[in-house]
């Protein structure tokens, strides 16, 4: 009977382990909601400035860094097109990004 209780405890612990790992990784891994919101606002401002300046956005360019360390804003097509994967249209050397479609709508924030 004691061995049966031990197996039950082990099973419970094992089933909880993945949930704990997910919670820990989620807490450590990504930007905060406040940072994400700020990054989106700044990215949309950068997009509006580029559009107003007459910059060509149809090829899905990188619009550069944001006023937040490690963040960039990238324009892409939804759904993605081969031009989005060309090196000259991608941002490089970033930790987080805001991806907008060619009309300035948010596609992804990471």
PDB file of N, CA and C in Angstrom:
ATOM      1  N   UNK A   1       0.816  -1.179   0.000  1.00  0.00           N
ATOM      2  CA  UNK A   1       0.000   0.000   0.000  1.00  0.00           C
ATOM      3  C   UNK A   1       0.870   1.258   0.000  1.00  0.00           C
ATOM      4  N   UNK A   2       1.928   1.239   0.729  1.00  0.00           N
ATOM      5  CA  UNK A   2       2.820   2.404   0.755  1.00  0.00           C
ATOM      6  C   UNK A   2       3.407   2.673  -0.639  1.00  0.00           C
ATOM      7  N   UNK A   3       3.800   1.635  -1.356  1.00  0.00           N
ATOM      8  CA  UNK A   3       4.345   1.806  -2.700  1.00  0.00           C
ATOM      9  C   UNK A   3       3.312   2.456  -3.613  1.00  0.00           C
ATOM     10  N   UNK A   4       2.047   2.123  -3.426  1.00  0.00           N
ATOM     11  CA  UNK A   4       0.990   2.706  -4.235  1.00  0.00           C
ATOM     12  C   UNK A   4       0.891   4.215  -4.001  1.00  0.00           C
ATOM     13  N   UNK A   5       1.001   4.648  -2.757  1.00  0.00           N
ATOM     14  CA  UNK A   5       0.964   6.079  -2.456  1.00  0.00           C
ATOM     15  C   UNK A   5       2.161   6.795  -3.078  1.00  0.00           C
ATOM     16  N   UNK A   6       3.307   6.170  -3.045  1.00  0.00           N
ATOM     17  CA  UNK A   6       4.499   6.775  -3.629  1.00  0.00           C
ATOM     18  C   UNK A   6       4.307   6.986  -5.124  1.00  0.00           C
ATOM     19  N   UNK A   7       3.773   5.982  -5.823  1.00  0.00           N
ATOM     20  CA  UNK A   7       3.527   6.128  -7.254  1.00  0.00           C
ATOM     21  C   UNK A   7       2.552   7.274  -7.529  1.00  0.00           C
ATOM     22  N   UNK A   8       1.536   7.394  -6.706  1.00  0.00           N
ATOM     23  CA  UNK A   8       0.561   8.467  -6.885  1.00  0.00           C
ATOM     24  C   UNK A   8       1.233   9.820  -6.729  1.00  0.00           C
ATOM     25  N   UNK A   9       2.058   9.981  -5.721  1.00  0.00           N
ATOM     26  CA  UNK A   9       2.771  11.248  -5.533  1.00  0.00           C
ATOM     27  C   UNK A   9       3.689  11.529  -6.712  1.00  0.00           C
ATOM     28  N   UNK A  10       4.405  10.516  -7.169  1.00  0.00           N
ATOM     29  CA  UNK A  10       5.305  10.695  -8.300  1.00  0.00           C
ATOM     30  C   UNK A  10       4.525  11.120  -9.539  1.00  0.00           C
ATOM     31  N   UNK A  11       3.407  10.473  -9.779  1.00  0.00           N
ATOM     32  CA  UNK A  11       2.603  10.827 -10.943  1.00  0.00           C
ATOM     33  C   UNK A  11       2.115  12.264 -10.866  1.00  0.00           C
ATOM     34  N   UNK A  12       1.681  12.675  -9.701  1.00  0.00           N
ATOM     35  CA  UNK A  12       1.217  14.054  -9.533  1.00  0.00           C
ATOM     36  C   UNK A  12       2.356  15.033  -9.793  1.00  0.00           C
ATOM     37  N   UNK A  13       3.514  14.740  -9.236  1.00  0.00           N
ATOM     38  CA  UNK A  13       4.649  15.631  -9.423  1.00  0.00           C
ATOM     39  C   UNK A  13       5.034  15.729 -10.887  1.00  0.00           C
ATOM     40  N   UNK A  14       5.048  14.613 -11.582  1.00  0.00           N
ATOM     41  CA  UNK A  14       5.435  14.600 -12.987  1.00  0.00           C
ATOM     42  C   UNK A  14       4.423  15.374 -13.822  1.00  0.00           C
ATOM     43  N   UNK A  15       3.164  15.224 -13.524  1.00  0.00           N
ATOM     44  CA  UNK A  15       2.150  15.936 -14.300  1.00  0.00           C
ATOM     45  C   UNK A  15       2.220  17.440 -14.038  1.00  0.00           C
ATOM     46  N   UNK A  16       2.642  17.845 -12.875  1.00  0.00           N
ATOM     47  CA  UNK A  16       2.733  19.269 -12.578  1.00  0.00           C
ATOM     48  C   UNK A  16       3.995  19.898 -13.145  1.00  0.00           C
ATOM     49  N   UNK A  17       5.009  19.130 -13.350  1.00  0.00           N
ATOM     50  CA  UNK A  17       6.287  19.662 -13.820  1.00  0.00           C
ATOM     51  C   UNK A  17       6.156  20.455 -15.120  1.00  0.00           C
ATOM     52  N   UNK A  18       5.502  19.933 -16.159  1.00  0.00           N
ATOM     53  CA  UNK A  18       5.412  20.734 -17.384  1.00  0.00           C
ATOM     54  C   UNK A  18       4.699  22.065 -17.177  1.00  0.00           C
ATOM     55  N   UNK A  19       3.651  22.105 -16.373  1.00  0.00           N
ATOM     56  CA  UNK A  19       2.943  23.341 -16.114  1.00  0.00           C
ATOM     57  C   UNK A  19       3.851  24.334 -15.400  1.00  0.00           C
ATOM     58  N   UNK A  20       4.601  23.879 -14.421  1.00  0.00           N
ATOM     59  CA  UNK A  20       5.533  24.754 -13.706  1.00  0.00           C
ATOM     60  C   UNK A  20       6.577  25.282 -14.678  1.00  0.00           C
ATOM     61  N   UNK A  21       7.103  24.434 -15.529  1.00  0.00           N
ATOM     62  CA  UNK A  21       8.118  24.862 -16.498  1.00  0.00           C
ATOM     63  C   UNK A  21       7.559  25.925 -17.432  1.00  0.00           C
ATOM     64  N   UNK A  22       6.334  25.761 -17.892  1.00  0.00           N
ATOM     65  CA  UNK A  22       5.717  26.740 -18.782  1.00  0.00           C
ATOM     66  C   UNK A  22       5.536  28.070 -18.069  1.00  0.00           C
ATOM     67  N   UNK A  23       5.079  28.030 -16.840  1.00  0.00           N
ATOM     68  CA  UNK A  23       4.881  29.267 -16.077  1.00  0.00           C
ATOM     69  C   UNK A  23       6.206  29.980 -15.857  1.00  0.00           C
ATOM     70  N   UNK A  24       7.242  29.250 -15.499  1.00  0.00           N
ATOM     71  CA  UNK A  24       8.559  29.853 -15.269  1.00  0.00           C
ATOM     72  C   UNK A  24       9.097  30.441 -16.562  1.00  0.00           C
ATOM     73  N   UNK A  25       9.018  29.717 -17.663  1.00  0.00           N
ATOM     74  CA  UNK A  25       9.522  30.221 -18.933  1.00  0.00           C
ATOM     75  C   UNK A  25       8.742  31.441 -19.393  1.00  0.00           C
ATOM     76  N   UNK A  26       7.450  31.437 -19.214  1.00  0.00           N
ATOM     77  CA  UNK A  26       6.639  32.581 -19.621  1.00  0.00           C
ATOM     78  C   UNK A  26       6.997  33.811 -18.799  1.00  0.00           C
ATOM     79  N   UNK A  27       7.264  33.621 -17.534  1.00  0.00           N
ATOM     80  CA  UNK A  27       7.595  34.745 -16.668  1.00  0.00           C
ATOM     81  C   UNK A  27       8.967  35.313 -16.997  1.00  0.00           C
ATOM     82  N   UNK A  28       9.888  34.494 -17.448  1.00  0.00           N
ATOM     83  CA  UNK A  28      11.261  34.934 -17.692  1.00  0.00           C
ATOM     84  C   UNK A  28      11.512  35.366 -19.128  1.00  0.00           C
ATOM     85  N   UNK A  29      10.771  34.826 -20.081  1.00  0.00           N
ATOM     86  CA  UNK A  29      11.154  34.931 -21.466  1.00  0.00           C
ATOM     87  C   UNK A  29      10.797  36.185 -22.218  1.00  0.00           C
ATOM     88  N   UNK A  30       9.582  36.632 -22.177  1.00  0.00           N
ATOM     89  CA  UNK A  30       9.169  37.680 -23.084  1.00  0.00           C
ATOM     90  C   UNK A  30       9.063  39.046 -22.442  1.00  0.00           C
ATOM     91  N   UNK A  31       8.799  40.035 -23.284  1.00  0.00           N
ATOM     92  CA  UNK A  31       8.636  41.389 -22.781  1.00  0.00           C
ATOM     93  C   UNK A  31       7.337  41.519 -21.988  1.00  0.00           C
ATOM     94  N   UNK A  32       7.284  42.491 -21.115  1.00  0.00           N
ATOM     95  CA  UNK A  32       6.078  42.734 -20.330  1.00  0.00           C
ATOM     96  C   UNK A  32       4.985  43.299 -21.235  1.00  0.00           C
ATOM     97  N   UNK A  33       3.766  43.244 -20.762  1.00  0.00           N
ATOM     98  CA  UNK A  33       2.651  43.818 -21.522  1.00  0.00           C
ATOM     99  C   UNK A  33       2.858  45.309 -21.741  1.00  0.00           C
ATOM    100  N   UNK A  34       3.373  45.985 -20.738  1.00  0.00           N
ATOM    101  CA  UNK A  34       3.617  47.428 -20.862  1.00  0.00           C
ATOM    102  C   UNK A  34       4.668  47.714 -21.934  1.00  0.00           C
ATOM    103  N   UNK A  35       5.737  46.912 -21.973  1.00  0.00           N
ATOM    104  CA  UNK A  35       6.765  47.080 -23.003  1.00  0.00           C
ATOM    105  C   UNK A  35       6.206  46.779 -24.386  1.00  0.00           C
ATOM    106  N   UNK A  36       5.405  45.734 -24.482  1.00  0.00           N
ATOM    107  CA  UNK A  36       4.795  45.390 -25.770  1.00  0.00           C
ATOM    108  C   UNK A  36       3.894  46.518 -26.256  1.00  0.00           C
ATOM    109  N   UNK A  37       3.074  47.063 -25.366  1.00  0.00           N
ATOM    110  CA  UNK A  37       2.161  48.148 -25.735  1.00  0.00           C
ATOM    111  C   UNK A  37       2.938  49.380 -26.192  1.00  0.00           C
ATOM    112  N   UNK A  38       3.985  49.710 -25.453  1.00  0.00           N
ATOM    113  CA  UNK A  38       4.809  50.869 -25.821  1.00  0.00           C
ATOM    114  C   UNK A  38       5.495  50.640 -27.167  1.00  0.00           C
ATOM    115  N   UNK A  39       6.010  49.443 -27.362  1.00  0.00           N
ATOM    116  CA  UNK A  39       6.686  49.121 -28.622  1.00  0.00           C
ATOM    117  C   UNK A  39       5.721  49.224 -29.802  1.00  0.00           C
ATOM    118  N   UNK A  40       4.503  48.742 -29.629  1.00  0.00           N
ATOM    119  CA  UNK A  40       3.510  48.831 -30.707  1.00  0.00           C
ATOM    120  C   UNK A  40       3.217  50.296 -31.023  1.00  0.00           C
ATOM    121  N   UNK A  41       3.027  51.104 -29.995  1.00  0.00           N
ATOM    122  CA  UNK A  41       2.754  52.531 -30.211  1.00  0.00           C
ATOM    123  C   UNK A  41       3.897  53.191 -30.970  1.00  0.00           C
ATOM    124  N   UNK A  42       5.133  52.920 -30.540  1.00  0.00           N
ATOM    125  CA  UNK A  42       6.300  53.503 -31.207  1.00  0.00           C
ATOM    126  C   UNK A  42       6.457  52.995 -32.635  1.00  0.00           C
ATOM    127  N   UNK A  43       6.161  51.718 -32.849  1.00  0.00           N
ATOM    128  CA  UNK A  43       6.261  51.142 -34.193  1.00  0.00           C
ATOM    129  C   UNK A  43       5.238  51.782 -35.129  1.00  0.00           C
ATOM    130  N   UNK A  44       4.031  51.987 -34.646  1.00  0.00           N
ATOM    131  CA  UNK A  44       3.010  52.603 -35.486  1.00  0.00           C
ATOM    132  C   UNK A  44       3.347  54.061 -35.777  1.00  0.00           C
ATOM    133  N   UNK A  45       3.966  54.746 -34.816  1.00  0.00           N
ATOM    134  CA  UNK A  45       4.433  56.111 -35.067  1.00  0.00           C
ATOM    135  C   UNK A  45       5.523  56.113 -36.138  1.00  0.00           C
ATOM    136  N   UNK A  46       6.464  55.165 -36.031  1.00  0.00           N
ATOM    137  CA  UNK A  46       7.547  55.071 -37.024  1.00  0.00           C
ATOM    138  C   UNK A  46       6.977  54.775 -38.414  1.00  0.00           C
ATOM    139  N   UNK A  47       5.995  53.886 -38.470  1.00  0.00           N
ATOM    140  CA  UNK A  47       5.340  53.559 -39.740  1.00  0.00           C
ATOM    141  C   UNK A  47       4.690  54.812 -40.337  1.00  0.00           C
ATOM    142  N   UNK A  48       3.942  55.567 -39.522  1.00  0.00           N
ATOM    143  CA  UNK A  48       3.260  56.771 -40.003  1.00  0.00           C
ATOM    144  C   UNK A  48       4.263  57.796 -40.516  1.00  0.00           C
ATOM    145  N   UNK A  49       5.387  57.946 -39.810  1.00  0.00           N
ATOM    146  CA  UNK A  49       6.434  58.875 -40.251  1.00  0.00           C
ATOM    147  C   UNK A  49       7.009  58.446 -41.597  1.00  0.00           C
ATOM    148  N   UNK A  50       7.271  57.148 -41.739  1.00  0.00           N
ATOM    149  CA  UNK A  50       7.830  56.632 -42.996  1.00  0.00           C
ATOM    150  C   UNK A  50       6.853  56.833 -44.147  1.00  0.00           C
ATOM    151  N   UNK A  51       5.600  56.561 -43.889  1.00  0.00           N
ATOM    152  CA  UNK A  51       4.580  56.709 -44.924  1.00  0.00           C
ATOM    153  C   UNK A  51       4.436  58.177 -45.312  1.00  0.00           C
ATOM    154  N   UNK A  52       4.400  59.058 -44.326  1.00  0.00           N
ATOM    155  CA  UNK A  52       4.269  60.487 -44.592  1.00  0.00           C
ATOM    156  C   UNK A  52       5.469  61.019 -45.375  1.00  0.00           C
ATOM    157  N   UNK A  53       6.645  60.451 -45.113  1.00  0.00           N
ATOM    158  CA  UNK A  53       7.860  60.875 -45.815  1.00  0.00           C
ATOM    159  C   UNK A  53       7.947  60.286 -47.223  1.00  0.00           C
ATOM    160  N   UNK A  54       6.989  59.443 -47.584  1.00  0.00           N
ATOM    161  CA  UNK A  54       6.970  58.868 -48.927  1.00  0.00           C
ATOM    162  C   UNK A  54       7.834  57.632 -49.096  1.00  0.00           C
ATOM    163  N   UNK A  55       8.226  57.039 -48.006  1.00  0.00           N
ATOM    164  CA  UNK A  55       9.059  55.834 -48.087  1.00  0.00           C
ATOM    165  C   UNK A  55       8.264  54.679 -48.698  1.00  0.00           C
ATOM    166  N   UNK A  56       8.910  53.918 -49.551  1.00  0.00           N
ATOM    167  CA  UNK A  56       8.282  52.754 -50.183  1.00  0.00           C
ATOM    168  C   UNK A  56       8.135  51.643 -49.147  1.00  0.00           C
ATOM    169  N   UNK A  57       6.915  51.247 -48.854  1.00  0.00           N
ATOM    170  CA  UNK A  57       6.652  50.231 -47.837  1.00  0.00           C
ATOM    171  C   UNK A  57       6.157  48.919 -48.436  1.00  0.00           C
ATOM    172  N   UNK A  58       5.857  48.911 -49.727  1.00  0.00           N
ATOM    173  CA  UNK A  58       5.284  47.723 -50.370  1.00  0.00           C
ATOM    174  C   UNK A  58       6.237  46.529 -50.385  1.00  0.00           C
ATOM    175  N   UNK A  59       7.547  46.779 -50.290  1.00  0.00           N
ATOM    176  CA  UNK A  59       8.504  45.662 -50.309  1.00  0.00           C
ATOM    177  C   UNK A  59       8.789  45.119 -48.911  1.00  0.00           C
ATOM    178  N   UNK A  60       8.112  45.659 -47.892  1.00  0.00           N
ATOM    179  CA  UNK A  60       8.261  45.129 -46.527  1.00  0.00           C
ATOM    180  C   UNK A  60       9.594  45.442 -45.891  1.00  0.00           C
ATOM    181  N   UNK A  61       9.986  46.720 -45.843  1.00  0.00           N
ATOM    182  CA  UNK A  61      11.307  47.057 -45.297  1.00  0.00           C
ATOM    183  C   UNK A  61      11.377  47.003 -43.769  1.00  0.00           C
ATOM    184  N   UNK A  62      12.587  46.937 -43.276  1.00  0.00           N
ATOM    185  CA  UNK A  62      12.847  47.163 -41.855  1.00  0.00           C
ATOM    186  C   UNK A  62      12.812  48.665 -41.654  1.00  0.00           C
ATOM    187  N   UNK A  63      12.039  49.122 -40.672  1.00  0.00           N
ATOM    188  CA  UNK A  63      11.970  50.557 -40.393  1.00  0.00           C
ATOM    189  C   UNK A  63      12.925  50.968 -39.279  1.00  0.00           C
ATOM    190  N   UNK A  64      13.730  50.019 -38.808  1.00  0.00           N
ATOM    191  CA  UNK A  64      14.795  50.344 -37.875  1.00  0.00           C
ATOM    192  C   UNK A  64      14.454  50.137 -36.413  1.00  0.00           C
ATOM    193  N   UNK A  65      15.324  50.672 -35.578  1.00  0.00           N
ATOM    194  CA  UNK A  65      15.193  50.492 -34.136  1.00  0.00           C
ATOM    195  C   UNK A  65      14.158  51.453 -33.572  1.00  0.00           C
ATOM    196  N   UNK A  66      13.606  51.051 -32.447  1.00  0.00           N
ATOM    197  CA  UNK A  66      12.665  51.895 -31.718  1.00  0.00           C
ATOM    198  C   UNK A  66      13.395  52.553 -30.563  1.00  0.00           C
ATOM    199  N   UNK A  67      12.749  53.496 -29.924  1.00  0.00           N
ATOM    200  CA  UNK A  67      13.341  54.183 -28.778  1.00  0.00           C
ATOM    201  C   UNK A  67      13.212  53.315 -27.527  1.00  0.00           C
ATOM    202  N   UNK A  68      13.497  52.039 -27.707  1.00  0.00           N
ATOM    203  CA  UNK A  68      13.507  51.048 -26.624  1.00  0.00           C
ATOM    204  C   UNK A  68      14.651  50.097 -26.944  1.00  0.00           C
ATOM    205  N   UNK A  69      15.511  49.869 -26.014  1.00  0.00           N
ATOM    206  CA  UNK A  69      16.688  49.040 -26.267  1.00  0.00           C
ATOM    207  C   UNK A  69      16.301  47.645 -26.746  1.00  0.00           C
ATOM    208  N   UNK A  70      16.895  47.228 -27.867  1.00  0.00           N
ATOM    209  CA  UNK A  70      16.711  45.883 -28.391  1.00  0.00           C
ATOM    210  C   UNK A  70      15.474  45.678 -29.240  1.00  0.00           C
ATOM    211  N   UNK A  71      14.696  46.728 -29.521  1.00  0.00           N
ATOM    212  CA  UNK A  71      13.449  46.614 -30.284  1.00  0.00           C
ATOM    213  C   UNK A  71      13.612  47.210 -31.680  1.00  0.00           C
ATOM    214  N   UNK A  72      12.985  46.548 -32.668  1.00  0.00           N
ATOM    215  CA  UNK A  72      12.933  47.051 -34.035  1.00  0.00           C
ATOM    216  C   UNK A  72      11.496  46.953 -34.539  1.00  0.00           C
ATOM    217  N   UNK A  73      11.254  47.641 -35.650  1.00  0.00           N
ATOM    218  CA  UNK A  73       9.955  47.528 -36.322  1.00  0.00           C
ATOM    219  C   UNK A  73      10.214  47.083 -37.757  1.00  0.00           C
ATOM    220  N   UNK A  74       9.481  46.076 -38.167  1.00  0.00           N
ATOM    221  CA  UNK A  74       9.634  45.481 -39.492  1.00  0.00           C
ATOM    222  C   UNK A  74       8.275  45.460 -40.173  1.00  0.00           C
ATOM    223  N   UNK A  75       8.264  45.725 -41.462  1.00  0.00           N
ATOM    224  CA  UNK A  75       7.042  45.662 -42.259  1.00  0.00           C
ATOM    225  C   UNK A  75       7.100  44.387 -43.088  1.00  0.00           C
ATOM    226  N   UNK A  76       5.989  43.681 -43.165  1.00  0.00           N
ATOM    227  CA  UNK A  76       5.918  42.433 -43.942  1.00  0.00           C
ATOM    228  C   UNK A  76       4.520  42.297 -44.521  1.00  0.00           C
ATOM    229  N   UNK A  77       4.368  41.340 -45.392  1.00  0.00           N
ATOM    230  CA  UNK A  77       3.068  41.062 -45.999  1.00  0.00           C
ATOM    231  C   UNK A  77       2.327  39.992 -45.209  1.00  0.00           C
ATOM    232  N   UNK A  78       1.012  40.039 -45.264  1.00  0.00           N
ATOM    233  CA  UNK A  78       0.174  39.034 -44.621  1.00  0.00           C
ATOM    234  C   UNK A  78      -0.814  38.519 -45.641  1.00  0.00           C
ATOM    235  N   UNK A  79      -0.579  37.313 -46.160  1.00  0.00           N
ATOM    236  CA  UNK A  79       0.459  36.345 -45.798  1.00  0.00           C
ATOM    237  C   UNK A  79       1.831  36.767 -46.340  1.00  0.00           C
ATOM    238  N   UNK A  80       2.863  36.183 -45.727  1.00  0.00           N
ATOM    239  CA  UNK A  80       4.231  36.517 -46.116  1.00  0.00           C
ATOM    240  C   UNK A  80       4.465  36.213 -47.591  1.00  0.00           C
ATOM    241  N   UNK A  81       5.316  37.035 -48.190  1.00  0.00           N
ATOM    242  CA  UNK A  81       5.717  36.857 -49.573  1.00  0.00           C
ATOM    243  C   UNK A  81       7.232  36.696 -49.615  1.00  0.00           C
ATOM    244  N   UNK A  82       7.763  36.141 -50.690  1.00  0.00           N
ATOM    245  CA  UNK A  82       9.221  35.945 -50.777  1.00  0.00           C
ATOM    246  C   UNK A  82      10.026  37.225 -50.529  1.00  0.00           C
ATOM    247  N   UNK A  83       9.508  38.369 -50.931  1.00  0.00           N
ATOM    248  CA  UNK A  83      10.223  39.632 -50.729  1.00  0.00           C
ATOM    249  C   UNK A  83      10.458  39.908 -49.235  1.00  0.00           C
ATOM    250  N   UNK A  84       9.594  39.391 -48.372  1.00  0.00           N
ATOM    251  CA  UNK A  84       9.754  39.596 -46.929  1.00  0.00           C
ATOM    252  C   UNK A  84      10.983  38.887 -46.375  1.00  0.00           C
ATOM    253  N   UNK A  85      11.437  37.851 -47.059  1.00  0.00           N
ATOM    254  CA  UNK A  85      12.584  37.076 -46.593  1.00  0.00           C
ATOM    255  C   UNK A  85      13.908  37.547 -47.173  1.00  0.00           C
ATOM    256  N   UNK A  86      13.878  38.553 -48.040  1.00  0.00           N
ATOM    257  CA  UNK A  86      15.120  39.095 -48.596  1.00  0.00           C
ATOM    258  C   UNK A  86      15.854  39.887 -47.514  1.00  0.00           C
ATOM    259  N   UNK A  87      17.146  39.691 -47.442  1.00  0.00           N
ATOM    260  CA  UNK A  87      17.962  40.280 -46.381  1.00  0.00           C
ATOM    261  C   UNK A  87      17.791  41.789 -46.264  1.00  0.00           C
ATOM    262  N   UNK A  88      17.706  42.478 -47.402  1.00  0.00           N
ATOM    263  CA  UNK A  88      17.599  43.940 -47.350  1.00  0.00           C
ATOM    264  C   UNK A  88      16.265  44.419 -46.793  1.00  0.00           C
ATOM    265  N   UNK A  89      15.286  43.519 -46.669  1.00  0.00           N
ATOM    266  CA  UNK A  89      13.984  43.883 -46.113  1.00  0.00           C
ATOM    267  C   UNK A  89      13.793  43.389 -44.682  1.00  0.00           C
ATOM    268  N   UNK A  90      14.821  42.832 -44.092  1.00  0.00           N
ATOM    269  CA  UNK A  90      14.716  42.301 -42.739  1.00  0.00           C
ATOM    270  C   UNK A  90      15.559  43.118 -41.773  1.00  0.00           C
ATOM    271  N   UNK A  91      15.083  43.165 -40.539  1.00  0.00           N
ATOM    272  CA  UNK A  91      15.855  43.813 -39.480  1.00  0.00           C
ATOM    273  C   UNK A  91      16.877  42.813 -38.942  1.00  0.00           C
ATOM    274  N   UNK A  92      18.018  43.314 -38.552  1.00  0.00           N
ATOM    275  CA  UNK A  92      19.082  42.471 -38.024  1.00  0.00           C
ATOM    276  C   UNK A  92      19.531  42.995 -36.660  1.00  0.00           C
ATOM    277  N   UNK A  93      20.019  42.087 -35.827  1.00  0.00           N
ATOM    278  CA  UNK A  93      20.606  42.466 -34.551  1.00  0.00           C
ATOM    279  C   UNK A  93      19.616  43.016 -33.546  1.00  0.00           C
ATOM    280  N   UNK A  94      18.533  42.313 -33.335  1.00  0.00           N
ATOM    281  CA  UNK A  94      17.522  42.769 -32.389  1.00  0.00           C
ATOM    282  C   UNK A  94      17.184  41.658 -31.405  1.00  0.00           C
ATOM    283  N   UNK A  95      16.576  42.052 -30.308  1.00  0.00           N
ATOM    284  CA  UNK A  95      16.103  41.092 -29.316  1.00  0.00           C
ATOM    285  C   UNK A  95      14.595  40.911 -29.427  1.00  0.00           C
ATOM    286  N   UNK A  96      13.894  42.017 -29.687  1.00  0.00           N
ATOM    287  CA  UNK A  96      12.428  41.996 -29.804  1.00  0.00           C
ATOM    288  C   UNK A  96      12.021  42.760 -31.052  1.00  0.00           C
ATOM    289  N   UNK A  97      10.840  42.457 -31.579  1.00  0.00           N
ATOM    290  CA  UNK A  97      10.375  43.157 -32.766  1.00  0.00           C
ATOM    291  C   UNK A  97       8.872  43.352 -32.753  1.00  0.00           C
ATOM    292  N   UNK A  98       8.463  44.374 -33.489  1.00  0.00           N
ATOM    293  CA  UNK A  98       7.059  44.577 -33.827  1.00  0.00           C
ATOM    294  C   UNK A  98       6.989  44.413 -35.330  1.00  0.00           C
ATOM    295  N   UNK A  99       6.132  43.531 -35.787  1.00  0.00           N
ATOM    296  CA  UNK A  99       5.960  43.312 -37.217  1.00  0.00           C
ATOM    297  C   UNK A  99       4.602  43.873 -37.623  1.00  0.00           C
ATOM    298  N   UNK A 100       4.641  44.816 -38.553  1.00  0.00           N
ATOM    299  CA  UNK A 100       3.435  45.435 -39.081  1.00  0.00           C
ATOM    300  C   UNK A 100       3.222  44.976 -40.508  1.00  0.00           C
ATOM    301  N   UNK A 101       1.960  44.930 -40.943  1.00  0.00           N
ATOM    302  CA  UNK A 101       1.724  44.616 -42.357  1.00  0.00           C
ATOM    303  C   UNK A 101       1.931  45.896 -43.171  1.00  0.00           C
ATOM    304  N   UNK A 102       1.833  45.800 -44.481  1.00  0.00           N
ATOM    305  CA  UNK A 102       2.130  46.951 -45.340  1.00  0.00           C
ATOM    306  C   UNK A 102       1.133  48.091 -45.158  1.00  0.00           C
ATOM    307  N   UNK A 103       0.029  47.841 -44.461  1.00  0.00           N
ATOM    308  CA  UNK A 103      -0.940  48.888 -44.148  1.00  0.00           C
ATOM    309  C   UNK A 103      -0.788  49.413 -42.724  1.00  0.00           C
ATOM    310  N   UNK A 104       0.237  48.948 -41.993  1.00  0.00           N
ATOM    311  CA  UNK A 104       0.526  49.437 -40.653  1.00  0.00           C
ATOM    312  C   UNK A 104      -0.202  48.721 -39.531  1.00  0.00           C
ATOM    313  N   UNK A 105      -0.875  47.618 -39.845  1.00  0.00           N
ATOM    314  CA  UNK A 105      -1.572  46.846 -38.797  1.00  0.00           C
ATOM    315  C   UNK A 105      -0.602  45.875 -38.146  1.00  0.00           C
ATOM    316  N   UNK A 106      -0.756  45.687 -36.844  1.00  0.00           N
ATOM    317  CA  UNK A 106       0.127  44.793 -36.084  1.00  0.00           C
ATOM    318  C   UNK A 106      -0.126  43.345 -36.487  1.00  0.00           C
ATOM    319  N   UNK A 107       0.966  42.663 -36.847  1.00  0.00           N
ATOM    320  CA  UNK A 107       0.902  41.229 -37.157  1.00  0.00           C
ATOM    321  C   UNK A 107       1.441  40.404 -35.997  1.00  0.00           C
ATOM    322  N   UNK A 108       2.622  40.794 -35.503  1.00  0.00           N
ATOM    323  CA  UNK A 108       3.257  40.055 -34.397  1.00  0.00           C
ATOM    324  C   UNK A 108       4.064  41.008 -33.528  1.00  0.00           C
ATOM    325  N   UNK A 109       4.156  40.642 -32.269  1.00  0.00           N
ATOM    326  CA  UNK A 109       5.027  41.368 -31.337  1.00  0.00           C
ATOM    327  C   UNK A 109       5.756  40.285 -30.540  1.00  0.00           C
ATOM    328  N   UNK A 110       7.063  40.365 -30.529  1.00  0.00           N
ATOM    329  CA  UNK A 110       7.846  39.361 -29.830  1.00  0.00           C
ATOM    330  C   UNK A 110       9.049  40.003 -29.161  1.00  0.00           C
TER     331      UNK A 110
END
